[in-house]
Amino acid sequence: MPAESLPSAPAAQRADDGAGAARPFAGWALLASEIGVLFRRRRTWAMLVALAAIPVLIAVVIRLSSDGPSPGRGPAFLDSITQNGLFVSLTALTVSIPLFLPLTVGVVAGDTIAGEANLGTLRYLLVAPAGRIRLLLVKYAGAALFCLVAALVIVTVGALIGAALFPIGPVTLLSGDTIGIGGYFGRLLLLAAYVTMSLMGLSAIGLFISTLTTVPVGAMAATAALAAVSQILGALPQLEWLHPWLFTHYWLGFGDFLRQPIAWGSFGDNALLQFGYIAVFGSLAYGRFSTKDILS
C-alpha cells in the first residue's frame, strides 16, 4: 500500500477517540429510545391506570360506606383513612405490593428480551455499537424506571384522592410522633423509593427468564408466578430459615419509614438482598444472552 494512503498516527488516534466517544452517546440514545417505546405502549399506560385505580377504589368505597371500616380489619391503615385522607397512599401500597405491582413488573421485565425476539427486532438491536451487555443494561434500566413510576403513581394518586374525599392534616406516625403534611410527603417519596428497590430483584429475575424464551407471555407469567411462590414460602413458618433469602421478605418493611426517627435497618437489609438478586440473575442473564444464537 502506498505510504500516502496510510492514516497518520494522530489521525488514527482521533478516529479511535471519536468511536469511543460515540459509544456512550449510543448507549444513552438506546436508553432514551427504550424508555420512549416503553411509555408509548398502550399496555404500559393501561397498567399504570389500573394501579392508579387501586387508591381511587379504596377511597371511594370508604367514602360511600355508611359505616367506616372496623379497627383492626382489612389492610393496614384502612381504619385511619376517615380521620386523615393521606393514609390512602399507605393503604394502597399495602394492597398493591403482594399482587398488583409484581404482576405489572412481571409483564414489563418478562417482555424485555423475549418481546423483541418475538417481534423479530432483537437482532437489529444488537448491531454495533449497541452490543449485548449494553442492551441488557438498557432493558433492565427501563424495567427499573417502570417500577419507580408505578410506585409514584400509587402514592401520588392516593394522596390526591385522599385529600379530595377526606380531611387531611398532621399525620401520627407508628411511633406516636406527629409530623406535618410537608414532612409526610417526604416520607411518601421514601416509601416509593423503598418499594422501587424492593422490586429490583424481581425485575432481574424477569430479565433472566426473558432471555430463555421467545414467548413473552410465558416469561411474564413465570416472573409473576415466582413472586407469588416466594410470598407463599415466606408465609410458611416451617421454612423460617429460608425467609431472609426470599426476595419478597422485606417487601412490607416500609413501615419503618413511619417512625421518628426513621429506622433504616430494614432498608439496608432489603437493599443488600435485592442487590444480591440483581448480581446473581443479572450474571445469569448475561451468561445466557451472550451465548445465545439470535435468529430473530
C-alpha atoms as a PDB file:
ATOM      1  CA  MET A   1       0.000   0.000   0.000  1.00  0.00           C
ATOM      2  CA  PRO A   2       1.426   3.453  -0.827  1.00  0.00           C
ATOM      3  CA  ALA A   3       2.653   5.356   2.145  1.00  0.00           C
ATOM      4  CA  GLU A   4       0.347   8.274   1.451  1.00  0.00           C
ATOM      5  CA  SER A   5      -2.732   6.022   1.864  1.00  0.00           C
ATOM      6  CA  LEU A   6      -1.899   5.192   5.465  1.00  0.00           C
ATOM      7  CA  PRO A   7      -3.516   7.435   8.052  1.00  0.00           C
ATOM      8  CA  SER A   8      -1.166   9.348  10.254  1.00  0.00           C
ATOM      9  CA  ALA A   9      -0.883   8.313  13.896  1.00  0.00           C
ATOM     10  CA  PRO A  10      -2.676  11.426  15.160  1.00  0.00           C
ATOM     11  CA  ALA A  11      -5.486  10.886  12.637  1.00  0.00           C
ATOM     12  CA  ALA A  12      -5.893   7.242  13.654  1.00  0.00           C
ATOM     13  CA  GLN A  13      -5.907   8.283  17.288  1.00  0.00           C
ATOM     14  CA  ARG A  14      -8.600  10.859  16.605  1.00  0.00           C
ATOM     15  CA  ALA A  15     -10.717   8.264  14.820  1.00  0.00           C
ATOM     16  CA  ASP A  16     -10.438   5.872  17.751  1.00  0.00           C
ATOM     17  CA  ASP A  17     -11.298   8.652  20.182  1.00  0.00           C
ATOM     18  CA  GLY A  18     -14.319   9.556  18.101  1.00  0.00           C
ATOM     19  CA  ALA A  19     -15.558   5.965  18.084  1.00  0.00           C
ATOM     20  CA  GLY A  20     -15.037   5.689  21.839  1.00  0.00           C
ATOM     21  CA  ALA A  21     -16.934   8.910  22.412  1.00  0.00           C
ATOM     22  CA  ALA A  22     -19.751   7.706  20.202  1.00  0.00           C
ATOM     23  CA  ARG A  23     -20.300   4.525  22.204  1.00  0.00           C
ATOM     24  CA  PRO A  24     -21.522   6.203  25.423  1.00  0.00           C
ATOM     25  CA  PHE A  25     -23.694   8.515  23.326  1.00  0.00           C
ATOM     26  CA  ALA A  26     -25.133   5.483  21.547  1.00  0.00           C
ATOM     27  CA  GLY A  27     -25.861   3.907  24.928  1.00  0.00           C
ATOM     28  CA  TRP A  28     -27.791   6.951  26.121  1.00  0.00           C
ATOM     29  CA  ALA A  29     -29.626   7.149  22.814  1.00  0.00           C
ATOM     30  CA  LEU A  30     -30.581   3.488  23.126  1.00  0.00           C
ATOM     31  CA  LEU A  31     -31.817   4.073  26.687  1.00  0.00           C
ATOM     32  CA  ALA A  32     -33.880   7.075  25.614  1.00  0.00           C
ATOM     33  CA  SER A  33     -35.353   5.036  22.783  1.00  0.00           C
ATOM     34  CA  GLU A  34     -36.194   2.165  25.132  1.00  0.00           C
ATOM     35  CA  ILE A  35     -37.913   4.462  27.624  1.00  0.00           C
ATOM     36  CA  GLY A  36     -39.823   6.150  24.818  1.00  0.00           C
ATOM     37  CA  VAL A  37     -41.032   2.838  23.413  1.00  0.00           C
ATOM     38  CA  LEU A  38     -41.970   1.550  26.875  1.00  0.00           C
ATOM     39  CA  PHE A  39     -44.084   4.561  27.803  1.00  0.00           C
ATOM     40  CA  ARG A  40     -45.691   4.908  24.404  1.00  0.00           C
ATOM     41  CA  ARG A  41     -47.225   1.472  24.638  1.00  0.00           C
ATOM     42  CA  ARG A  42     -50.912   1.302  25.431  1.00  0.00           C
ATOM     43  CA  ARG A  43     -50.219  -1.717  27.615  1.00  0.00           C
ATOM     44  CA  THR A  44     -47.917   0.322  29.850  1.00  0.00           C
ATOM     45  CA  TRP A  45     -50.466   3.076  30.276  1.00  0.00           C
ATOM     46  CA  ALA A  46     -53.234   0.541  30.882  1.00  0.00           C
ATOM     47  CA  MET A  47     -51.206  -0.978  33.724  1.00  0.00           C
ATOM     48  CA  LEU A  48     -50.475   2.429  35.239  1.00  0.00           C
ATOM     49  CA  VAL A  49     -54.151   3.362  35.038  1.00  0.00           C
ATOM     50  CA  ALA A  50     -55.051   0.078  36.729  1.00  0.00           C
ATOM     51  CA  LEU A  51     -52.563   0.818  39.521  1.00  0.00           C
ATOM     52  CA  ALA A  52     -53.954   4.340  39.887  1.00  0.00           C
ATOM     53  CA  ALA A  53     -57.444   2.881  40.191  1.00  0.00           C
ATOM     54  CA  ILE A  54     -56.488   0.989  43.371  1.00  0.00           C
ATOM     55  CA  PRO A  55     -56.261   4.019  45.702  1.00  0.00           C
ATOM     56  CA  VAL A  56     -59.248   5.605  43.957  1.00  0.00           C
ATOM     57  CA  LEU A  57     -61.344   2.492  44.533  1.00  0.00           C
ATOM     58  CA  ILE A  58     -60.289   2.250  48.171  1.00  0.00           C
ATOM     59  CA  ALA A  59     -61.098   5.900  48.857  1.00  0.00           C
ATOM     60  CA  VAL A  60     -64.432   5.900  47.032  1.00  0.00           C
ATOM     61  CA  VAL A  61     -65.658   2.714  48.718  1.00  0.00           C
ATOM     62  CA  ILE A  62     -64.807   4.035  52.176  1.00  0.00           C
ATOM     63  CA  ARG A  63     -66.322   7.440  51.386  1.00  0.00           C
ATOM     64  CA  LEU A  64     -69.584   5.906  50.213  1.00  0.00           C
ATOM     65  CA  SER A  65     -69.774   3.398  53.037  1.00  0.00           C
ATOM     66  CA  SER A  66     -72.268   4.300  55.725  1.00  0.00           C
ATOM     67  CA  ASP A  67     -70.138   2.587  58.373  1.00  0.00           C
ATOM     68  CA  GLY A  68     -66.435   3.228  58.458  1.00  0.00           C
ATOM     69  CA  PRO A  69     -64.014   0.288  58.414  1.00  0.00           C
ATOM     70  CA  SER A  70     -63.743  -1.594  61.675  1.00  0.00           C
ATOM     71  CA  PRO A  71     -60.450  -1.084  63.535  1.00  0.00           C
ATOM     72  CA  GLY A  72     -58.032  -3.948  63.017  1.00  0.00           C
ATOM     73  CA  ARG A  73     -59.861  -5.320  59.987  1.00  0.00           C
ATOM     74  CA  GLY A  74     -58.729  -5.063  56.379  1.00  0.00           C
ATOM     75  CA  PRO A  75     -55.388  -3.760  55.094  1.00  0.00           C
ATOM     76  CA  ALA A  76     -53.063  -1.728  57.274  1.00  0.00           C
ATOM     77  CA  PHE A  77     -54.078   1.927  57.846  1.00  0.00           C
ATOM     78  CA  LEU A  78     -57.556   1.302  56.409  1.00  0.00           C
ATOM     79  CA  ASP A  79     -59.333   2.401  59.569  1.00  0.00           C
ATOM     80  CA  SER A  80     -57.304   5.648  59.661  1.00  0.00           C
ATOM     81  CA  ILE A  81     -58.424   6.955  56.270  1.00  0.00           C
ATOM     82  CA  THR A  82     -61.624   8.616  57.509  1.00  0.00           C
ATOM     83  CA  GLN A  83     -59.601  10.636  60.041  1.00  0.00           C
ATOM     84  CA  ASN A  84     -56.856  11.566  57.577  1.00  0.00           C
ATOM     85  CA  GLY A  85     -57.103  11.041  53.841  1.00  0.00           C
ATOM     86  CA  LEU A  86     -53.320  10.928  53.473  1.00  0.00           C
ATOM     87  CA  PHE A  87     -53.430   7.334  54.695  1.00  0.00           C
ATOM     88  CA  VAL A  88     -54.982   6.281  51.365  1.00  0.00           C
ATOM     89  CA  SER A  89     -51.475   6.097  49.843  1.00  0.00           C
ATOM     90  CA  LEU A  90     -50.217   3.752  52.559  1.00  0.00           C
ATOM     91  CA  THR A  91     -53.260   1.501  52.304  1.00  0.00           C
ATOM     92  CA  ALA A  92     -52.972   1.350  48.505  1.00  0.00           C
ATOM     93  CA  LEU A  93     -49.278   0.445  48.710  1.00  0.00           C
ATOM     94  CA  THR A  94     -50.019  -2.303  51.222  1.00  0.00           C
ATOM     95  CA  VAL A  95     -52.704  -3.726  48.933  1.00  0.00           C
ATOM     96  CA  SER A  96     -50.628  -3.408  45.751  1.00  0.00           C
ATOM     97  CA  ILE A  97     -47.301  -4.899  46.824  1.00  0.00           C
ATOM     98  CA  PRO A  98     -48.354  -8.556  47.200  1.00  0.00           C
ATOM     99  CA  LEU A  99     -50.108  -8.901  43.816  1.00  0.00           C
ATOM    100  CA  PHE A 100     -50.660  -5.910  41.562  1.00  0.00           C
ATOM    101  CA  LEU A 101     -47.172  -4.432  41.496  1.00  0.00           C
ATOM    102  CA  PRO A 102     -45.433  -7.809  40.945  1.00  0.00           C
ATOM    103  CA  LEU A 103     -47.900  -8.573  38.172  1.00  0.00           C
ATOM    104  CA  THR A 104     -47.218  -5.361  36.276  1.00  0.00           C
ATOM    105  CA  VAL A 105     -43.466  -5.551  36.860  1.00  0.00           C
ATOM    106  CA  GLY A 106     -43.534  -9.150  35.657  1.00  0.00           C
ATOM    107  CA  VAL A 107     -45.171  -8.020  32.423  1.00  0.00           C
ATOM    108  CA  VAL A 108     -42.531  -5.344  31.782  1.00  0.00           C
ATOM    109  CA  ALA A 109     -39.498  -7.391  32.856  1.00  0.00           C
ATOM    110  CA  GLY A 110     -40.663 -10.558  31.127  1.00  0.00           C
ATOM    111  CA  ASP A 111     -41.083  -8.672  27.867  1.00  0.00           C
ATOM    112  CA  THR A 112     -37.604  -7.111  27.838  1.00  0.00           C
ATOM    113  CA  ILE A 113     -35.762  -9.607  25.623  1.00  0.00           C
ATOM    114  CA  ALA A 114     -38.460 -12.129  24.742  1.00  0.00           C
ATOM    115  CA  GLY A 115     -40.683  -9.376  23.364  1.00  0.00           C
ATOM    116  CA  GLU A 116     -38.003  -8.191  20.949  1.00  0.00           C
ATOM    117  CA  ALA A 117     -37.280 -11.777  19.882  1.00  0.00           C
ATOM    118  CA  ASN A 118     -40.974 -12.391  19.310  1.00  0.00           C
ATOM    119  CA  LEU A 119     -41.284  -9.270  17.155  1.00  0.00           C
ATOM    120  CA  GLY A 120     -38.168 -10.158  15.165  1.00  0.00           C
ATOM    121  CA  THR A 121     -36.359  -6.946  16.148  1.00  0.00           C
ATOM    122  CA  LEU A 122     -33.776  -8.367  18.550  1.00  0.00           C
ATOM    123  CA  ARG A 123     -31.006  -8.880  16.012  1.00  0.00           C
ATOM    124  CA  TYR A 124     -31.378  -5.314  14.753  1.00  0.00           C
ATOM    125  CA  LEU A 125     -30.867  -4.001  18.285  1.00  0.00           C
ATOM    126  CA  LEU A 126     -27.629  -5.935  18.607  1.00  0.00           C
ATOM    127  CA  VAL A 127     -25.819  -4.258  15.749  1.00  0.00           C
ATOM    128  CA  ALA A 128     -22.847  -2.115  16.739  1.00  0.00           C
ATOM    129  CA  PRO A 129     -22.490  -0.025  18.775  1.00  0.00           C
ATOM    130  CA  ALA A 130     -25.305  -1.463  20.932  1.00  0.00           C
ATOM    131  CA  GLY A 131     -23.916  -4.859  21.885  1.00  0.00           C
ATOM    132  CA  ARG A 132     -25.429  -7.466  24.157  1.00  0.00           C
ATOM    133  CA  ILE A 133     -24.237  -6.144  27.513  1.00  0.00           C
ATOM    134  CA  ARG A 134     -25.440  -2.639  26.742  1.00  0.00           C
ATOM    135  CA  LEU A 135     -28.786  -3.930  25.553  1.00  0.00           C
ATOM    136  CA  LEU A 136     -29.276  -5.929  28.766  1.00  0.00           C
ATOM    137  CA  LEU A 137     -28.399  -2.890  30.878  1.00  0.00           C
ATOM    138  CA  VAL A 138     -30.776  -0.681  28.911  1.00  0.00           C
ATOM    139  CA  LYS A 139     -33.610  -3.173  29.153  1.00  0.00           C
ATOM    140  CA  TYR A 140     -33.098  -3.547  32.885  1.00  0.00           C
ATOM    141  CA  ALA A 141     -32.957   0.221  33.344  1.00  0.00           C
ATOM    142  CA  GLY A 142     -36.289   0.530  31.544  1.00  0.00           C
ATOM    143  CA  ALA A 143     -37.871  -2.063  33.837  1.00  0.00           C
ATOM    144  CA  ALA A 144     -36.415  -0.310  36.895  1.00  0.00           C
ATOM    145  CA  LEU A 145     -37.829   3.027  35.755  1.00  0.00           C
ATOM    146  CA  PHE A 146     -41.245   1.435  35.381  1.00  0.00           C
ATOM    147  CA  CYS A 147     -41.007   0.196  38.986  1.00  0.00           C
ATOM    148  CA  LEU A 148     -40.361   3.757  40.157  1.00  0.00           C
ATOM    149  CA  VAL A 149     -43.153   5.249  38.055  1.00  0.00           C
ATOM    150  CA  ALA A 150     -45.613   2.586  39.224  1.00  0.00           C
ATOM    151  CA  ALA A 151     -44.846   3.256  42.894  1.00  0.00           C
ATOM    152  CA  LEU A 152     -45.090   7.023  42.399  1.00  0.00           C
ATOM    153  CA  VAL A 153     -48.439   6.659  40.624  1.00  0.00           C
ATOM    154  CA  ILE A 154     -49.945   4.774  43.570  1.00  0.00           C
ATOM    155  CA  VAL A 155     -48.526   7.176  46.149  1.00  0.00           C
ATOM    156  CA  THR A 156     -49.448  10.346  44.248  1.00  0.00           C
ATOM    157  CA  VAL A 157     -52.957   9.308  43.243  1.00  0.00           C
ATOM    158  CA  GLY A 158     -53.576   8.024  46.770  1.00  0.00           C
ATOM    159  CA  ALA A 159     -52.605  11.368  48.298  1.00  0.00           C
ATOM    160  CA  LEU A 160     -54.690  13.333  45.790  1.00  0.00           C
ATOM    161  CA  ILE A 161     -57.863  11.263  46.095  1.00  0.00           C
ATOM    162  CA  GLY A 162     -57.469  11.124  49.865  1.00  0.00           C
ATOM    163  CA  ALA A 163     -57.202  14.910  50.050  1.00  0.00           C
ATOM    164  CA  ALA A 164     -60.240  15.272  47.785  1.00  0.00           C
ATOM    165  CA  LEU A 165     -62.571  12.966  49.725  1.00  0.00           C
ATOM    166  CA  PHE A 166     -61.384  13.166  53.332  1.00  0.00           C
ATOM    167  CA  PRO A 167     -59.976  15.707  55.743  1.00  0.00           C
ATOM    168  CA  ILE A 168     -56.201  15.913  55.845  1.00  0.00           C
ATOM    169  CA  GLY A 169     -53.819  17.206  58.463  1.00  0.00           C
ATOM    170  CA  PRO A 170     -50.741  16.343  60.508  1.00  0.00           C
ATOM    171  CA  VAL A 171     -50.008  12.610  60.453  1.00  0.00           C
ATOM    172  CA  THR A 172     -49.469  10.486  63.536  1.00  0.00           C
ATOM    173  CA  LEU A 173     -46.654   8.019  62.898  1.00  0.00           C
ATOM    174  CA  LEU A 174     -46.380   4.467  64.159  1.00  0.00           C
ATOM    175  CA  SER A 175     -44.001   5.697  66.830  1.00  0.00           C
ATOM    176  CA  GLY A 176     -46.682   8.057  68.160  1.00  0.00           C
ATOM    177  CA  ASP A 177     -44.991  11.230  66.914  1.00  0.00           C
ATOM    178  CA  THR A 178     -46.842  13.723  64.743  1.00  0.00           C
ATOM    179  CA  ILE A 179     -45.393  15.315  61.601  1.00  0.00           C
ATOM    180  CA  GLY A 180     -46.747  17.971  59.276  1.00  0.00           C
ATOM    181  CA  ILE A 181     -48.119  17.410  55.803  1.00  0.00           C
ATOM    182  CA  GLY A 182     -44.866  18.523  54.155  1.00  0.00           C
ATOM    183  CA  GLY A 183     -42.813  16.085  56.197  1.00  0.00           C
ATOM    184  CA  TYR A 184     -45.283  13.330  55.431  1.00  0.00           C
ATOM    185  CA  PHE A 185     -44.962  13.886  51.680  1.00  0.00           C
ATOM    186  CA  GLY A 186     -41.215  13.486  52.078  1.00  0.00           C
ATOM    187  CA  ARG A 187     -41.894  10.151  53.777  1.00  0.00           C
ATOM    188  CA  LEU A 188     -44.136   9.158  50.865  1.00  0.00           C
ATOM    189  CA  LEU A 189     -41.267   9.711  48.440  1.00  0.00           C
ATOM    190  CA  LEU A 190     -39.088   7.500  50.633  1.00  0.00           C
ATOM    191  CA  LEU A 191     -41.829   4.868  50.573  1.00  0.00           C
ATOM    192  CA  ALA A 192     -41.908   4.980  46.777  1.00  0.00           C
ATOM    193  CA  ALA A 193     -38.113   4.597  46.685  1.00  0.00           C
ATOM    194  CA  TYR A 194     -38.309   1.652  49.091  1.00  0.00           C
ATOM    195  CA  VAL A 195     -40.972  -0.099  47.018  1.00  0.00           C
ATOM    196  CA  THR A 196     -38.965   0.530  43.845  1.00  0.00           C
ATOM    197  CA  MET A 197     -35.886  -1.027  45.414  1.00  0.00           C
ATOM    198  CA  SER A 198     -37.971  -3.976  46.628  1.00  0.00           C
ATOM    199  CA  LEU A 199     -38.943  -4.772  43.044  1.00  0.00           C
ATOM    200  CA  MET A 200     -35.403  -4.635  41.663  1.00  0.00           C
ATOM    201  CA  GLY A 201     -34.716  -8.302  42.393  1.00  0.00           C
ATOM    202  CA  LEU A 202     -37.932  -9.358  40.673  1.00  0.00           C
ATOM    203  CA  SER A 203     -37.002  -7.239  37.651  1.00  0.00           C
ATOM    204  CA  ALA A 204     -33.637  -9.017  37.409  1.00  0.00           C
ATOM    205  CA  ILE A 205     -35.367 -12.390  37.616  1.00  0.00           C
ATOM    206  CA  GLY A 206     -37.758 -11.356  34.852  1.00  0.00           C
ATOM    207  CA  LEU A 207     -34.859 -10.181  32.691  1.00  0.00           C
ATOM    208  CA  PHE A 208     -33.148 -13.555  33.059  1.00  0.00           C
ATOM    209  CA  ILE A 209     -36.315 -15.507  32.290  1.00  0.00           C
ATOM    210  CA  SER A 210     -36.869 -13.282  29.260  1.00  0.00           C
ATOM    211  CA  THR A 211     -33.527 -14.438  27.812  1.00  0.00           C
ATOM    212  CA  LEU A 212     -34.667 -18.065  27.979  1.00  0.00           C
ATOM    213  CA  THR A 213     -37.606 -17.838  25.606  1.00  0.00           C
ATOM    214  CA  THR A 214     -39.010 -16.084  22.579  1.00  0.00           C
ATOM    215  CA  VAL A 215     -42.543 -16.203  24.025  1.00  0.00           C
ATOM    216  CA  PRO A 216     -43.023 -13.041  26.112  1.00  0.00           C
ATOM    217  CA  VAL A 217     -46.295 -14.205  27.680  1.00  0.00           C
ATOM    218  CA  GLY A 218     -44.506 -17.211  29.124  1.00  0.00           C
ATOM    219  CA  ALA A 219     -41.748 -15.033  30.615  1.00  0.00           C
ATOM    220  CA  MET A 220     -44.307 -12.634  32.060  1.00  0.00           C
ATOM    221  CA  ALA A 221     -46.323 -15.419  33.652  1.00  0.00           C
ATOM    222  CA  ALA A 222     -43.243 -17.149  35.056  1.00  0.00           C
ATOM    223  CA  THR A 223     -41.957 -13.916  36.629  1.00  0.00           C
ATOM    224  CA  ALA A 224     -45.290 -13.120  38.276  1.00  0.00           C
ATOM    225  CA  ALA A 225     -45.672 -16.744  39.412  1.00  0.00           C
ATOM    226  CA  LEU A 226     -42.255 -16.694  41.099  1.00  0.00           C
ATOM    227  CA  ALA A 227     -43.299 -13.608  43.063  1.00  0.00           C
ATOM    228  CA  ALA A 228     -46.392 -15.451  44.275  1.00  0.00           C
ATOM    229  CA  VAL A 229     -44.407 -18.579  45.140  1.00  0.00           C
ATOM    230  CA  SER A 230     -41.867 -16.547  47.105  1.00  0.00           C
ATOM    231  CA  GLN A 231     -44.624 -14.943  49.158  1.00  0.00           C
ATOM    232  CA  ILE A 232     -46.255 -18.293  49.831  1.00  0.00           C
ATOM    233  CA  LEU A 233     -42.955 -19.729  51.030  1.00  0.00           C
ATOM    234  CA  GLY A 234     -42.481 -16.651  53.181  1.00  0.00           C
ATOM    235  CA  ALA A 235     -45.787 -17.323  54.916  1.00  0.00           C
ATOM    236  CA  LEU A 236     -44.860 -20.880  55.967  1.00  0.00           C
ATOM    237  CA  PRO A 237     -43.372 -20.962  59.483  1.00  0.00           C
ATOM    238  CA  GLN A 238     -41.772 -24.340  58.740  1.00  0.00           C
ATOM    239  CA  LEU A 239     -39.448 -22.553  56.289  1.00  0.00           C
ATOM    240  CA  GLU A 240     -38.396 -19.768  58.611  1.00  0.00           C
ATOM    241  CA  TRP A 241     -34.736 -20.470  57.841  1.00  0.00           C
ATOM    242  CA  LEU A 242     -35.422 -19.658  54.204  1.00  0.00           C
ATOM    243  CA  HIS A 243     -37.362 -16.424  54.721  1.00  0.00           C
ATOM    244  CA  PRO A 244     -34.380 -13.986  54.899  1.00  0.00           C
ATOM    245  CA  TRP A 245     -33.222 -15.247  51.477  1.00  0.00           C
ATOM    246  CA  LEU A 246     -36.529 -14.683  49.677  1.00  0.00           C
ATOM    247  CA  PHE A 247     -36.620 -11.547  47.532  1.00  0.00           C
ATOM    248  CA  THR A 248     -40.088 -10.742  48.893  1.00  0.00           C
ATOM    249  CA  HIS A 249     -39.049 -10.947  52.550  1.00  0.00           C
ATOM    250  CA  TYR A 250     -38.755  -7.182  53.148  1.00  0.00           C
ATOM    251  CA  TRP A 251     -41.456  -6.005  50.781  1.00  0.00           C
ATOM    252  CA  LEU A 252     -43.694  -4.758  53.600  1.00  0.00           C
ATOM    253  CA  GLY A 253     -40.864  -3.298  55.651  1.00  0.00           C
ATOM    254  CA  PHE A 254     -41.646   0.250  54.547  1.00  0.00           C
ATOM    255  CA  GLY A 255     -43.467   0.808  57.849  1.00  0.00           C
ATOM    256  CA  ASP A 256     -40.090   1.725  59.357  1.00  0.00           C
ATOM    257  CA  PHE A 257     -40.295   5.000  57.442  1.00  0.00           C
ATOM    258  CA  LEU A 258     -43.312   5.869  59.567  1.00  0.00           C
ATOM    259  CA  ARG A 259     -41.295   6.120  62.772  1.00  0.00           C
ATOM    260  CA  GLN A 260     -39.467   9.011  64.354  1.00  0.00           C
ATOM    261  CA  PRO A 261     -36.571   8.780  63.893  1.00  0.00           C
ATOM    262  CA  ILE A 262     -36.651   6.680  60.727  1.00  0.00           C
ATOM    263  CA  ALA A 263     -35.473   3.109  61.297  1.00  0.00           C
ATOM    264  CA  TRP A 264     -33.106   2.324  58.407  1.00  0.00           C
ATOM    265  CA  GLY A 265     -32.420  -1.308  59.334  1.00  0.00           C
ATOM    266  CA  SER A 266     -34.950  -2.929  57.023  1.00  0.00           C
ATOM    267  CA  PHE A 267     -33.951  -0.557  54.203  1.00  0.00           C
ATOM    268  CA  GLY A 268     -30.333  -1.669  54.416  1.00  0.00           C
ATOM    269  CA  ASP A 269     -31.228  -5.347  54.672  1.00  0.00           C
ATOM    270  CA  ASN A 270     -33.625  -5.046  51.744  1.00  0.00           C
ATOM    271  CA  ALA A 271     -31.062  -3.208  49.612  1.00  0.00           C
ATOM    272  CA  LEU A 272     -28.429  -5.860  50.293  1.00  0.00           C
ATOM    273  CA  LEU A 273     -30.867  -8.659  49.433  1.00  0.00           C
ATOM    274  CA  GLN A 274     -32.071  -7.014  46.225  1.00  0.00           C
ATOM    275  CA  PHE A 275     -28.529  -6.234  45.056  1.00  0.00           C
ATOM    276  CA  GLY A 276     -27.686  -9.891  45.622  1.00  0.00           C
ATOM    277  CA  TYR A 277     -30.543 -10.967  43.360  1.00  0.00           C
ATOM    278  CA  ILE A 278     -29.540  -8.356  40.782  1.00  0.00           C
ATOM    279  CA  ALA A 279     -25.964  -9.655  40.775  1.00  0.00           C
ATOM    280  CA  VAL A 280     -26.948 -13.318  40.545  1.00  0.00           C
ATOM    281  CA  PHE A 281     -29.707 -13.093  37.973  1.00  0.00           C
ATOM    282  CA  GLY A 282     -28.008 -10.298  36.064  1.00  0.00           C
ATOM    283  CA  SER A 283     -24.981 -12.578  35.668  1.00  0.00           C
ATOM    284  CA  LEU A 284     -27.213 -15.466  34.626  1.00  0.00           C
ATOM    285  CA  ALA A 285     -28.966 -13.245  32.093  1.00  0.00           C
ATOM    286  CA  TYR A 286     -25.637 -12.144  30.652  1.00  0.00           C
ATOM    287  CA  GLY A 287     -24.302 -15.721  30.574  1.00  0.00           C
ATOM    288  CA  ARG A 288     -27.370 -16.887  28.705  1.00  0.00           C
ATOM    289  CA  PHE A 289     -27.719 -13.891  26.396  1.00  0.00           C
ATOM    290  CA  SER A 290     -24.033 -13.657  25.475  1.00  0.00           C
ATOM    291  CA  THR A 291     -24.026 -17.226  24.137  1.00  0.00           C
ATOM    292  CA  LYS A 292     -27.492 -17.255  22.648  1.00  0.00           C
ATOM    293  CA  ASP A 293     -27.960 -17.576  18.901  1.00  0.00           C
ATOM    294  CA  ILE A 294     -30.129 -14.677  17.781  1.00  0.00           C
ATOM    295  CA  LEU A 295     -32.357 -15.871  14.992  1.00  0.00           C
ATOM    296  CA  SER A 296     -34.964 -13.117  15.008  1.00  0.00           C
END
